[in-house]
């Protein structure tokens, strides 16, 4: 698999997880606030939404870490380049 294809797939999965994390966060914040009435919103109760939100956060962290690892050469090059330019003036 080409490196660009791998990066695209990783970015797409990260974006999807982030979107789901935001949706679950808004549901927990607005539709199922802590201390509010117990009930189901969009199929699940508050406890299930909290667990889904937490696991999505773990998944995002895993994919973000993989993203950083696969881009490490670029990150180190750009950081080195930035500080060299800063040093020159």
N, C-alpha and C. Protein backbone atom coordinates (compact mmCIF):
# COMPACT_ATOMS: atom_id res chain seq x y z
N UNK A 1 0.84 -1.18 0.00
CA UNK A 1 0.00 0.00 0.00
C UNK A 1 0.89 1.24 0.00
N UNK A 2 0.54 2.17 -0.86
CA UNK A 2 1.31 3.41 -0.91
C UNK A 2 1.14 4.20 0.37
N UNK A 3 2.15 4.94 0.72
CA UNK A 3 2.13 5.73 1.95
C UNK A 3 1.01 6.78 1.95
N UNK A 4 0.78 7.40 0.81
CA UNK A 4 -0.28 8.41 0.70
C UNK A 4 -1.65 7.78 0.93
N UNK A 5 -1.85 6.57 0.43
CA UNK A 5 -3.12 5.86 0.63
C UNK A 5 -3.31 5.55 2.11
N UNK A 6 -2.26 5.10 2.76
CA UNK A 6 -2.31 4.81 4.20
C UNK A 6 -2.67 6.07 4.98
N UNK A 7 -2.05 7.18 4.65
CA UNK A 7 -2.34 8.45 5.34
C UNK A 7 -3.79 8.87 5.12
N UNK A 8 -4.27 8.69 3.90
CA UNK A 8 -5.66 9.04 3.59
C UNK A 8 -6.63 8.20 4.42
N UNK A 9 -6.38 6.90 4.49
CA UNK A 9 -7.26 6.01 5.26
C UNK A 9 -7.22 6.38 6.74
N UNK A 10 -6.03 6.61 7.29
CA UNK A 10 -5.91 7.01 8.69
C UNK A 10 -6.65 8.32 8.96
N UNK A 11 -6.49 9.29 8.07
CA UNK A 11 -7.16 10.58 8.25
C UNK A 11 -8.68 10.44 8.17
N UNK A 12 -9.16 9.61 7.25
CA UNK A 12 -10.60 9.40 7.11
C UNK A 12 -11.18 8.75 8.37
N UNK A 13 -10.48 7.77 8.91
CA UNK A 13 -10.96 7.11 10.13
C UNK A 13 -10.92 8.07 11.30
N UNK A 14 -9.84 8.86 11.40
CA UNK A 14 -9.75 9.86 12.47
C UNK A 14 -10.89 10.86 12.37
N UNK A 15 -11.19 11.31 11.18
CA UNK A 15 -12.29 12.26 10.98
C UNK A 15 -13.63 11.68 11.38
N UNK A 16 -13.88 10.43 11.02
CA UNK A 16 -15.13 9.77 11.37
C UNK A 16 -15.25 9.60 12.89
N UNK A 17 -14.17 9.16 13.53
CA UNK A 17 -14.19 9.01 14.98
C UNK A 17 -14.41 10.36 15.66
N UNK A 18 -13.75 11.39 15.16
CA UNK A 18 -13.93 12.73 15.73
C UNK A 18 -15.37 13.20 15.59
N UNK A 19 -15.96 12.97 14.43
CA UNK A 19 -17.36 13.35 14.21
C UNK A 19 -18.28 12.62 15.20
N UNK A 20 -18.08 11.31 15.37
CA UNK A 20 -18.90 10.54 16.31
C UNK A 20 -18.67 11.00 17.75
N UNK A 21 -17.44 11.37 18.06
CA UNK A 21 -17.13 11.87 19.40
C UNK A 21 -17.86 13.18 19.68
N UNK A 22 -17.89 14.06 18.69
CA UNK A 22 -18.59 15.34 18.83
C UNK A 22 -20.09 15.10 18.98
N UNK A 23 -20.66 14.23 18.16
CA UNK A 23 -22.09 13.94 18.25
C UNK A 23 -22.44 13.37 19.61
N UNK A 24 -21.67 12.40 20.09
CA UNK A 24 -21.96 11.81 21.41
C UNK A 24 -21.77 12.84 22.52
N UNK A 25 -20.81 13.73 22.36
CA UNK A 25 -20.60 14.78 23.35
C UNK A 25 -21.77 15.74 23.42
N UNK A 26 -22.29 16.14 22.26
CA UNK A 26 -23.45 17.03 22.25
C UNK A 26 -24.70 16.34 22.80
N UNK A 27 -24.86 15.07 22.50
CA UNK A 27 -26.00 14.33 23.06
C UNK A 27 -25.90 14.29 24.58
N UNK A 28 -24.69 14.01 25.08
CA UNK A 28 -24.51 13.98 26.54
C UNK A 28 -24.69 15.36 27.17
N UNK A 29 -24.29 16.38 26.46
CA UNK A 29 -24.34 17.73 27.01
C UNK A 29 -25.76 18.30 26.99
N UNK A 30 -26.45 18.15 25.85
CA UNK A 30 -27.75 18.78 25.70
C UNK A 30 -28.94 17.86 25.95
N UNK A 31 -28.91 16.66 25.41
CA UNK A 31 -30.08 15.78 25.48
C UNK A 31 -30.12 14.96 26.77
N UNK A 32 -28.96 14.61 27.30
CA UNK A 32 -28.89 13.79 28.52
C UNK A 32 -27.97 14.42 29.55
N UNK A 33 -28.27 15.62 30.02
CA UNK A 33 -27.37 16.25 30.99
C UNK A 33 -27.33 15.46 32.29
N UNK A 34 -26.21 15.54 32.96
CA UNK A 34 -26.04 14.83 34.23
C UNK A 34 -27.04 15.36 35.25
N UNK A 35 -27.71 14.47 35.94
CA UNK A 35 -28.70 14.86 36.92
C UNK A 35 -30.07 15.10 36.34
N UNK A 36 -30.19 14.96 35.02
CA UNK A 36 -31.48 15.17 34.36
C UNK A 36 -32.35 13.92 34.47
N UNK A 37 -33.45 13.96 33.79
CA UNK A 37 -34.36 12.82 33.79
C UNK A 37 -33.71 11.62 33.12
N UNK A 38 -33.91 10.45 33.72
CA UNK A 38 -33.40 9.24 33.10
C UNK A 38 -34.29 8.88 31.92
N UNK A 39 -33.71 8.53 30.85
CA UNK A 39 -34.48 8.16 29.67
C UNK A 39 -33.55 7.81 28.53
N UNK A 40 -34.14 7.40 27.45
CA UNK A 40 -33.35 7.03 26.29
C UNK A 40 -33.44 8.12 25.23
N UNK A 41 -32.31 8.42 24.66
CA UNK A 41 -32.25 9.36 23.56
C UNK A 41 -31.46 8.68 22.45
N UNK A 42 -32.02 8.67 21.27
CA UNK A 42 -31.40 8.04 20.11
C UNK A 42 -30.92 6.63 20.46
N UNK A 43 -31.83 5.83 20.93
CA UNK A 43 -31.66 4.40 21.18
C UNK A 43 -31.00 4.00 22.50
N UNK A 44 -30.18 4.85 23.10
CA UNK A 44 -29.40 4.44 24.26
C UNK A 44 -29.67 5.31 25.47
N UNK A 45 -29.37 4.79 26.65
CA UNK A 45 -29.47 5.59 27.86
C UNK A 45 -28.15 6.33 28.09
N UNK A 46 -28.11 7.18 29.11
CA UNK A 46 -26.94 8.01 29.37
C UNK A 46 -25.68 7.17 29.60
N UNK A 47 -25.79 6.10 30.36
CA UNK A 47 -24.61 5.28 30.67
C UNK A 47 -23.97 4.72 29.40
N UNK A 48 -24.80 4.25 28.49
CA UNK A 48 -24.29 3.71 27.22
C UNK A 48 -23.62 4.80 26.39
N UNK A 49 -24.22 6.00 26.36
CA UNK A 49 -23.61 7.11 25.63
C UNK A 49 -22.27 7.51 26.23
N UNK A 50 -22.18 7.50 27.57
CA UNK A 50 -20.91 7.83 28.22
C UNK A 50 -19.84 6.81 27.85
N UNK A 51 -20.20 5.54 27.89
CA UNK A 51 -19.23 4.50 27.53
C UNK A 51 -18.80 4.62 26.07
N UNK A 52 -19.75 4.86 25.18
CA UNK A 52 -19.42 5.04 23.77
C UNK A 52 -18.50 6.24 23.58
N UNK A 53 -18.80 7.33 24.27
CA UNK A 53 -18.00 8.54 24.17
C UNK A 53 -16.56 8.27 24.65
N UNK A 54 -16.44 7.55 25.76
CA UNK A 54 -15.10 7.25 26.28
C UNK A 54 -14.32 6.34 25.34
N UNK A 55 -14.96 5.32 24.78
CA UNK A 55 -14.26 4.42 23.86
C UNK A 55 -13.91 5.11 22.55
N UNK A 56 -14.75 6.02 22.11
CA UNK A 56 -14.40 6.80 20.92
C UNK A 56 -13.17 7.66 21.18
N UNK A 57 -13.08 8.21 22.39
CA UNK A 57 -11.90 9.02 22.76
C UNK A 57 -10.64 8.16 22.75
N UNK A 58 -10.73 6.94 23.26
CA UNK A 58 -9.59 6.02 23.25
C UNK A 58 -9.20 5.69 21.81
N UNK A 59 -10.20 5.42 20.97
CA UNK A 59 -9.93 5.13 19.56
C UNK A 59 -9.28 6.30 18.85
N UNK A 60 -9.76 7.52 19.12
CA UNK A 60 -9.17 8.70 18.51
C UNK A 60 -7.72 8.87 18.95
N UNK A 61 -7.45 8.63 20.21
CA UNK A 61 -6.08 8.73 20.71
C UNK A 61 -5.17 7.71 20.01
N UNK A 62 -5.66 6.50 19.82
CA UNK A 62 -4.87 5.47 19.15
C UNK A 62 -4.57 5.87 17.70
N UNK A 63 -5.60 6.34 16.98
CA UNK A 63 -5.38 6.73 15.59
C UNK A 63 -4.53 7.99 15.48
N UNK A 64 -4.70 8.92 16.41
CA UNK A 64 -3.89 10.13 16.39
C UNK A 64 -2.42 9.78 16.65
N UNK A 65 -2.18 8.87 17.59
CA UNK A 65 -0.80 8.43 17.86
C UNK A 65 -0.19 7.78 16.63
N UNK A 66 -0.96 6.95 15.95
CA UNK A 66 -0.48 6.31 14.72
C UNK A 66 -0.21 7.37 13.66
N UNK A 67 -1.05 8.37 13.58
CA UNK A 67 -0.87 9.47 12.63
C UNK A 67 0.45 10.19 12.89
N UNK A 68 0.72 10.49 14.14
CA UNK A 68 1.98 11.18 14.50
C UNK A 68 3.18 10.30 14.17
N UNK A 69 3.09 9.02 14.46
CA UNK A 69 4.20 8.10 14.17
C UNK A 69 4.48 8.03 12.68
N UNK A 70 3.42 7.94 11.87
CA UNK A 70 3.63 7.84 10.42
C UNK A 70 4.14 9.15 9.80
N UNK A 71 3.92 10.26 10.47
CA UNK A 71 4.40 11.56 9.97
C UNK A 71 5.64 12.06 10.72
N UNK A 72 6.26 11.22 11.51
CA UNK A 72 7.34 11.68 12.38
C UNK A 72 8.51 12.28 11.60
N UNK A 73 8.88 11.69 10.48
CA UNK A 73 9.99 12.23 9.68
C UNK A 73 9.67 13.65 9.23
N UNK A 74 8.46 13.87 8.73
CA UNK A 74 8.05 15.19 8.29
C UNK A 74 8.03 16.18 9.45
N UNK A 75 7.50 15.77 10.60
CA UNK A 75 7.43 16.64 11.78
C UNK A 75 8.82 17.06 12.23
N UNK A 76 9.75 16.09 12.30
CA UNK A 76 11.10 16.43 12.74
C UNK A 76 11.80 17.33 11.74
N UNK A 77 11.61 17.08 10.44
CA UNK A 77 12.21 17.94 9.41
C UNK A 77 11.67 19.36 9.50
N UNK A 78 10.36 19.52 9.61
CA UNK A 78 9.76 20.85 9.66
C UNK A 78 10.16 21.60 10.94
N UNK A 79 10.25 20.89 12.05
CA UNK A 79 10.67 21.53 13.31
C UNK A 79 12.11 22.01 13.20
N UNK A 80 12.99 21.16 12.67
CA UNK A 80 14.39 21.53 12.48
C UNK A 80 14.49 22.74 11.55
N UNK A 81 13.76 22.70 10.46
CA UNK A 81 13.76 23.79 9.48
C UNK A 81 13.26 25.10 10.11
N UNK A 82 12.21 25.02 10.91
CA UNK A 82 11.65 26.20 11.57
C UNK A 82 12.69 26.87 12.48
N UNK A 83 13.35 26.07 13.29
CA UNK A 83 14.33 26.64 14.22
C UNK A 83 15.58 27.14 13.50
N UNK A 84 15.94 26.53 12.38
CA UNK A 84 17.08 27.04 11.60
C UNK A 84 16.74 28.41 11.01
N UNK A 85 15.53 28.57 10.52
CA UNK A 85 15.12 29.88 9.99
C UNK A 85 15.05 30.93 11.09
N UNK A 86 14.59 30.53 12.26
CA UNK A 86 14.51 31.43 13.39
C UNK A 86 15.90 31.92 13.79
N UNK A 87 16.86 31.00 13.74
CA UNK A 87 18.24 31.32 14.12
C UNK A 87 18.88 32.30 13.14
N UNK A 88 18.56 32.15 11.85
CA UNK A 88 19.14 33.02 10.82
C UNK A 88 18.62 34.46 10.91
N UNK A 89 17.45 34.61 11.42
CA UNK A 89 17.01 35.98 11.57
C UNK A 89 15.65 36.19 11.10
